[in-house]
Amino acid sequence: MTRPVVGRLAPSPTGALHLGNARTFLLAWLSVRSRGGRLILRMEDLDHPKVKPGASAGVLEDLRWLGLDWDEGPDIGGPSAPYTQSERRPIYRAALDRLRAAGLVYPCTCSRHDVEEAQSAPHGRNRHSLAYSGHCRNRYDSWDAARQTLPDGRLPCWRFRTPPGQSTFHDAFLGDCSLNVAEELGDFAFARDPDGAGYQLACTVDDAAMGITEVVRGDDLVDATHCQLALCRALNLTPPVYCHVPLVIGPDGRRLAKRHGDTRIAAFRENGISARRLIALLGAWSGLCSEDENLSPAELLPRFSWDRIPGTPVVYRPGYAGI
């Protein structure tokens, strides 16, 4: 039996919405709405040091201004509430307890520097410079015991005991994606929190709990998907279909950021650029329209097809198409 289409928009309130993540959200919206599906907005606010006050409200305002909507979310509620991850900690704790009971996770006190040092020998390196060696496997009896060995301000992370073998999934945009997680990443970290409230576990658990059937996101998260699939298997969860799209990047080849100028949606609005003009630009980058049109997301729906989306990154330059 085919599951109803349920997609999600999952912004993180670590800053303002910019053209790059707006384009990904537009594609996620078009993919679900073109098939009559439902959209859930989930605020992923667990990256506490980077969360900006007021950013959540700003992101919601920008998305609505662009013409994107959702059926469930922190502002309108719904059957899967709460929709803000910092309010869902008991759910992550329950999942962590299951993983601990199965002996699949352990606390780790290794710093990023420690992991880099362990990979410093040429024969020990692979395409991932931070593949973890398993140094803290069976080292601590509990997270608290690990925490007591660290100076104030540092917390242990939770790592997953990655099984050997190849991980493969079929991406709706990229096709088959494979990775030997044990060799390339090692025992990956999934949270730096005693309750397991971190991106990898929270995202995995929430997608399943909310009935998400499709995840559209940037292709910089393909490796994270292999980790989330490992967690899905360990927790006996049904994963969504994944669709990873090329990023919007700057002229230097790096993902769009402040160094490439002010590309915030709010800044364009303040400078008199209309939402329809921006949607046309995002649609043109996606092969769905021309840059000189003025369109709403709803007007792009009849034109949407994954076959039309370019397979290469979009290079943004200040003043692009007069914006």
Protein backbone atom coordinates (compact mmCIF):
# COMPACT_ATOMS: atom_id res chain seq x y z
CA MET A 1 0.00 0.00 0.00
CA THR A 2 1.38 3.39 -1.02
CA ARG A 3 1.90 5.81 1.86
CA PRO A 4 0.40 9.31 1.54
CA VAL A 5 3.03 11.87 0.54
CA VAL A 6 4.27 13.80 3.57
CA GLY A 7 7.22 16.16 3.22
CA ARG A 8 8.88 18.55 5.57
CA LEU A 9 10.56 21.92 5.80
CA ALA A 10 13.16 21.79 8.57
CA PRO A 11 14.83 25.18 9.03
CA SER A 12 17.38 25.79 11.75
CA PRO A 13 17.17 29.14 13.59
CA THR A 14 20.93 29.71 13.50
CA GLY A 15 20.54 32.69 11.20
CA ALA A 16 18.35 34.31 8.58
CA LEU A 17 16.91 32.43 5.62
CA HIS A 18 19.06 33.06 2.53
CA LEU A 19 18.73 32.29 -1.18
CA GLY A 20 20.44 28.91 -0.91
CA ASN A 21 18.20 27.35 1.70
CA ALA A 22 15.15 29.12 0.24
CA ARG A 23 15.76 27.34 -3.05
CA THR A 24 15.93 23.94 -1.31
CA PHE A 25 12.73 24.69 0.62
CA LEU A 26 11.00 25.72 -2.60
CA LEU A 27 11.93 22.41 -4.25
CA ALA A 28 10.72 20.47 -1.20
CA TRP A 29 7.43 22.41 -1.29
CA LEU A 30 6.95 21.91 -5.04
CA SER A 31 7.69 18.19 -4.86
CA VAL A 32 5.05 17.57 -2.19
CA ARG A 33 2.38 20.04 -3.33
CA SER A 34 2.62 18.85 -6.96
CA ARG A 35 1.37 15.45 -5.73
CA GLY A 36 -1.26 16.78 -3.37
CA GLY A 37 0.77 15.86 -0.29
CA ARG A 38 1.05 17.35 3.17
CA LEU A 39 3.89 19.49 4.50
CA ILE A 40 5.17 19.66 8.05
CA LEU A 41 7.40 22.47 9.29
CA ARG A 42 9.79 21.41 12.05
CA MET A 43 12.12 23.88 13.73
CA GLU A 44 15.50 22.22 14.27
CA ASP A 45 16.88 24.33 17.10
CA LEU A 46 19.23 21.88 18.85
CA ASP A 47 22.41 23.63 17.70
CA HIS A 48 22.22 25.76 20.85
CA PRO A 49 25.44 27.85 20.63
CA LYS A 50 24.48 29.04 17.16
CA VAL A 51 20.74 29.59 17.67
CA LYS A 52 19.91 33.29 17.26
CA PRO A 53 17.16 34.96 19.32
CA GLY A 54 14.20 35.76 17.10
CA ALA A 55 15.54 33.70 14.20
CA SER A 56 12.67 31.18 14.32
CA ALA A 57 10.05 33.88 13.86
CA GLY A 58 12.12 35.47 11.09
CA VAL A 59 12.40 32.22 9.16
CA LEU A 60 8.63 31.62 9.35
CA GLU A 61 7.98 35.17 8.18
CA ASP A 62 10.37 34.80 5.22
CA LEU A 63 8.88 31.48 4.12
CA ARG A 64 5.33 32.81 4.24
CA TRP A 65 6.37 35.98 2.41
CA LEU A 66 7.82 33.84 -0.38
CA GLY A 67 4.45 32.07 -0.70
CA LEU A 68 5.31 28.76 0.94
CA ASP A 69 2.85 27.19 3.37
CA TRP A 70 2.60 24.08 5.55
CA ASP A 71 -0.13 22.00 7.15
CA GLU A 72 1.46 21.41 10.56
CA GLY A 73 4.09 23.36 12.44
CA PRO A 74 5.06 25.26 15.59
CA ASP A 75 2.86 28.21 14.65
CA ILE A 76 -0.30 26.22 13.80
CA GLY A 77 0.03 22.96 15.73
CA GLY A 78 -0.99 19.52 14.57
CA PRO A 79 -1.15 15.84 15.63
CA SER A 80 2.64 15.46 15.83
CA ALA A 81 3.24 18.42 18.16
CA PRO A 82 5.52 19.76 19.44
CA TYR A 83 7.23 20.87 16.24
CA THR A 84 10.26 22.48 17.84
CA GLN A 85 13.02 19.98 18.55
CA SER A 86 14.12 21.48 21.86
CA GLU A 87 10.63 20.59 23.15
CA ARG A 88 10.94 16.94 22.05
CA ARG A 89 13.81 15.83 24.29
CA PRO A 90 11.89 12.99 26.01
CA ILE A 91 11.36 11.39 22.60
CA TYR A 92 15.10 11.41 21.88
CA ARG A 93 15.86 10.09 25.35
CA ALA A 94 13.54 7.13 24.76
CA ALA A 95 15.31 6.34 21.47
CA LEU A 96 18.72 6.67 23.13
CA ASP A 97 17.66 4.30 25.91
CA ARG A 98 16.71 1.70 23.29
CA LEU A 99 20.10 2.04 21.60
CA ARG A 100 21.92 1.80 24.93
CA ALA A 101 19.94 -1.27 25.97
CA ALA A 102 21.00 -2.94 22.72
CA GLY A 103 24.66 -2.02 23.32
CA LEU A 104 24.81 -0.02 20.10
CA VAL A 105 26.11 3.31 21.43
CA TYR A 106 28.75 4.65 23.81
CA PRO A 107 29.97 7.98 25.21
CA CYS A 108 33.15 9.43 23.75
CA THR A 109 35.45 12.16 25.09
CA CYS A 110 37.67 12.51 22.02
CA SER A 111 37.92 16.04 20.68
CA ARG A 112 38.04 16.95 17.01
CA HIS A 113 41.80 17.43 17.45
CA ASP A 114 42.11 13.92 18.90
CA VAL A 115 40.34 12.43 15.89
CA GLU A 116 42.49 14.43 13.47
CA GLU A 117 45.66 13.29 15.25
CA ALA A 118 44.57 9.65 14.99
CA GLN A 119 44.17 10.14 11.24
CA SER A 120 47.47 11.98 10.73
CA ALA A 121 49.49 9.04 9.38
CA PRO A 122 49.22 8.83 5.55
CA HIS A 123 48.29 5.13 5.65
CA GLY A 124 45.44 5.90 8.03
CA ARG A 125 43.70 8.54 5.96
CA ASN A 126 40.80 8.19 3.56
CA ARG A 127 38.50 10.65 1.87
CA HIS A 128 37.02 11.57 5.26
CA SER A 129 39.69 13.24 7.38
CA LEU A 130 37.65 12.68 10.54
CA ALA A 131 36.98 8.94 10.39
CA TYR A 132 36.82 7.78 14.00
CA SER A 133 39.09 5.00 15.26
CA GLY A 134 36.86 3.70 18.07
CA HIS A 135 39.24 4.86 20.81
CA CYS A 136 36.48 5.25 23.42
CA ARG A 137 34.70 1.97 22.73
CA ASN A 138 34.18 0.18 26.08
CA ARG A 139 36.05 2.96 27.88
CA TYR A 140 33.28 4.43 30.07
CA ASP A 141 30.41 2.89 31.99
CA SER A 142 28.13 5.90 31.48
CA TRP A 143 27.84 9.37 29.97
CA ASP A 144 28.28 10.87 33.45
CA ALA A 145 31.50 8.92 33.96
CA ALA A 146 32.81 10.26 30.68
CA ARG A 147 31.71 13.79 31.55
CA GLN A 148 33.70 13.74 34.80
CA THR A 149 36.95 13.31 32.87
CA LEU A 150 36.45 16.50 30.85
CA PRO A 151 37.11 20.13 31.81
CA ASP A 152 34.14 22.43 32.43
CA GLY A 153 32.38 23.42 29.24
CA ARG A 154 33.17 20.26 27.30
CA LEU A 155 30.64 17.48 26.92
CA PRO A 156 31.06 13.90 25.71
CA CYS A 157 29.35 12.88 22.50
CA TRP A 158 27.37 9.73 21.85
CA ARG A 159 28.77 7.46 19.13
CA PHE A 160 27.06 4.66 17.24
CA ARG A 161 28.84 1.31 16.91
CA THR A 162 28.86 1.22 13.14
CA PRO A 163 28.54 -2.30 11.73
CA PRO A 164 30.88 -3.37 8.90
CA GLY A 165 29.74 -3.40 5.30
CA GLN A 166 28.42 -1.14 2.59
CA SER A 167 25.44 1.16 3.08
CA THR A 168 23.40 1.84 -0.07
CA PHE A 169 20.23 3.79 -0.65
CA HIS A 170 18.45 5.00 -3.78
CA ASP A 171 18.26 8.76 -3.89
CA ALA A 172 15.31 10.16 -5.85
CA PHE A 173 17.61 12.70 -7.53
CA LEU A 174 21.15 11.28 -7.39
CA GLY A 175 20.35 7.59 -7.94
CA ASP A 176 22.16 4.92 -5.95
CA CYS A 177 24.44 6.25 -3.21
CA SER A 178 26.87 3.95 -1.41
CA LEU A 179 29.29 4.39 1.47
CA ASN A 180 31.18 2.02 3.72
CA VAL A 181 30.36 3.93 6.88
CA ALA A 182 32.56 1.80 9.15
CA GLU A 183 35.64 2.44 6.99
CA GLU A 184 34.96 6.01 5.87
CA LEU A 185 33.37 7.52 8.99
CA GLY A 186 33.93 4.97 11.73
CA ASP A 187 31.68 5.06 14.79
CA PHE A 188 29.90 8.32 13.99
CA ALA A 189 28.81 10.89 16.57
CA PHE A 190 25.07 11.47 16.67
CA ALA A 191 24.61 13.80 19.68
CA ARG A 192 26.56 15.82 22.24
CA ASP A 193 23.90 15.74 24.89
CA PRO A 194 23.07 13.36 27.75
CA ASP A 195 19.58 12.75 26.32
CA GLY A 196 20.74 12.16 22.75
CA ALA A 197 19.27 15.47 21.57
CA GLY A 198 21.52 16.02 18.56
CA TYR A 199 20.98 16.39 14.82
CA GLN A 200 21.50 12.81 13.65
CA LEU A 201 19.28 11.06 16.19
CA ALA A 202 16.67 13.82 16.45
CA CYS A 203 16.24 14.07 12.68
CA THR A 204 15.95 10.29 12.32
CA VAL A 205 13.43 9.88 15.14
CA ASP A 206 11.35 12.91 14.19
CA ASP A 207 11.02 11.95 10.52
CA ALA A 208 9.66 8.56 11.56
CA ALA A 209 7.41 9.92 14.33
CA MET A 210 5.89 12.54 12.02
CA GLY A 211 5.31 10.09 9.17
CA ILE A 212 7.64 11.88 6.76
CA THR A 213 7.82 10.00 3.45
CA GLU A 214 10.15 12.35 1.52
CA VAL A 215 13.12 14.46 2.58
CA VAL A 216 14.48 17.05 0.14
CA ARG A 217 17.76 18.63 1.24
CA GLY A 218 21.22 19.67 0.05
CA ASP A 219 23.64 17.11 -1.31
CA ASP A 220 26.17 18.03 1.38
CA LEU A 221 24.10 15.76 3.67
CA VAL A 222 24.44 12.52 1.69
CA ASP A 223 26.92 11.06 4.19
CA ALA A 224 24.61 12.05 7.06
CA THR A 225 21.87 10.06 5.37
CA HIS A 226 23.91 6.86 5.62
CA CYS A 227 24.26 7.52 9.36
CA GLN A 228 20.55 8.19 9.75
CA LEU A 229 19.71 4.99 7.88
CA ALA A 230 21.94 3.05 10.29
CA LEU A 231 19.99 4.56 13.18
CA CYS A 232 16.71 3.71 11.42
CA ARG A 233 17.74 0.08 11.15
CA ALA A 234 18.84 -0.04 14.77
CA LEU A 235 15.53 1.44 15.96
CA ASN A 236 13.38 -0.49 13.45
CA LEU A 237 12.06 2.72 11.88
CA THR A 238 10.77 3.20 8.33
CA PRO A 239 12.99 5.76 6.57
CA PRO A 240 11.70 8.34 4.12
CA VAL A 241 12.73 8.59 0.49
CA TYR A 242 15.68 10.97 0.25
CA CYS A 243 16.26 13.52 -2.47
CA HIS A 244 19.55 15.43 -2.31
CA VAL A 245 19.88 18.46 -4.55
CA PRO A 246 22.95 20.50 -5.54
CA LEU A 247 23.68 23.53 -3.39
CA VAL A 248 23.80 27.19 -4.26
CA ILE A 249 27.47 28.14 -3.98
CA GLY A 250 29.57 31.27 -4.28
CA PRO A 251 32.18 32.02 -6.97
CA ASP A 252 34.78 30.37 -4.70
CA GLY A 253 32.95 27.04 -4.91
CA ARG A 254 31.91 27.08 -1.25
CA ARG A 255 28.33 26.91 -0.03
CA LEU A 256 26.50 30.24 0.08
CA ALA A 257 27.29 32.21 3.24
CA LYS A 258 27.91 35.73 4.57
CA ARG A 259 31.28 35.84 2.84
CA HIS A 260 29.40 36.01 -0.49
CA GLY A 261 27.44 39.13 0.44
CA ASP A 262 24.01 39.71 1.92
CA THR A 263 21.73 37.07 0.40
CA ARG A 264 19.14 37.11 3.18
CA ILE A 265 15.53 36.96 2.02
CA ALA A 266 14.71 39.72 4.50
CA ALA A 267 17.36 41.97 2.95
CA PHE A 268 15.88 41.58 -0.55
CA ARG A 269 12.42 42.36 0.84
CA GLU A 270 13.74 45.46 2.60
CA ASN A 271 15.35 46.60 -0.66
CA GLY A 272 12.06 46.41 -2.55
CA ILE A 273 12.57 43.13 -4.39
CA SER A 274 9.23 41.33 -4.66
CA ALA A 275 8.65 37.76 -3.53
CA ARG A 276 7.52 36.85 -7.06
CA ARG A 277 10.79 38.14 -8.47
CA LEU A 278 12.81 36.02 -6.04
CA ILE A 279 10.68 32.93 -6.74
CA ALA A 280 11.34 33.42 -10.46
CA LEU A 281 15.08 33.52 -9.77
CA LEU A 282 14.93 30.37 -7.64
CA GLY A 283 12.76 28.74 -10.29
CA ALA A 284 15.20 29.68 -13.04
CA TRP A 285 18.05 28.15 -11.06
CA SER A 286 15.90 25.01 -10.97
CA GLY A 287 15.18 24.89 -14.70
CA LEU A 288 11.50 25.69 -14.24
CA CYS A 289 11.16 29.22 -15.64
CA SER A 290 13.13 32.18 -16.95
CA GLU A 291 14.76 34.78 -14.73
CA ASP A 292 12.66 37.66 -16.04
CA GLU A 293 9.31 36.18 -15.03
CA ASN A 294 7.30 37.05 -11.91
CA LEU A 295 5.80 33.95 -10.34
CA SER A 296 4.41 32.55 -7.14
CA PRO A 297 5.29 29.04 -5.94
CA ALA A 298 1.76 27.92 -6.83
CA GLU A 299 2.27 29.10 -10.42
CA LEU A 300 5.39 26.94 -10.66
CA LEU A 301 3.52 23.77 -9.70
CA PRO A 302 2.42 22.81 -13.26
CA ARG A 303 6.02 23.17 -14.45
CA PHE A 304 7.64 21.14 -11.69
CA SER A 305 9.48 17.95 -12.57
CA TRP A 306 12.63 16.48 -11.05
CA ASP A 307 13.81 15.81 -14.60
CA ARG A 308 14.12 19.57 -15.16
CA ILE A 309 16.29 20.27 -12.10
CA PRO A 310 19.97 20.77 -13.05
CA GLY A 311 22.42 18.26 -11.60
CA THR A 312 25.14 20.84 -10.97
CA PRO A 313 25.48 23.52 -8.26
CA VAL A 314 24.16 27.02 -8.87
CA VAL A 315 26.89 29.67 -8.71
CA TYR A 316 25.61 32.90 -7.19
CA ARG A 317 27.31 36.21 -7.85
CA PRO A 318 26.26 39.56 -6.34
CA GLY A 319 23.98 41.38 -8.77
CA TYR A 320 22.85 38.07 -10.30
CA ALA A 321 19.95 38.73 -12.69
CA GLY A 322 19.70 42.27 -11.39
CA ILE A 323 19.00 41.18 -7.81
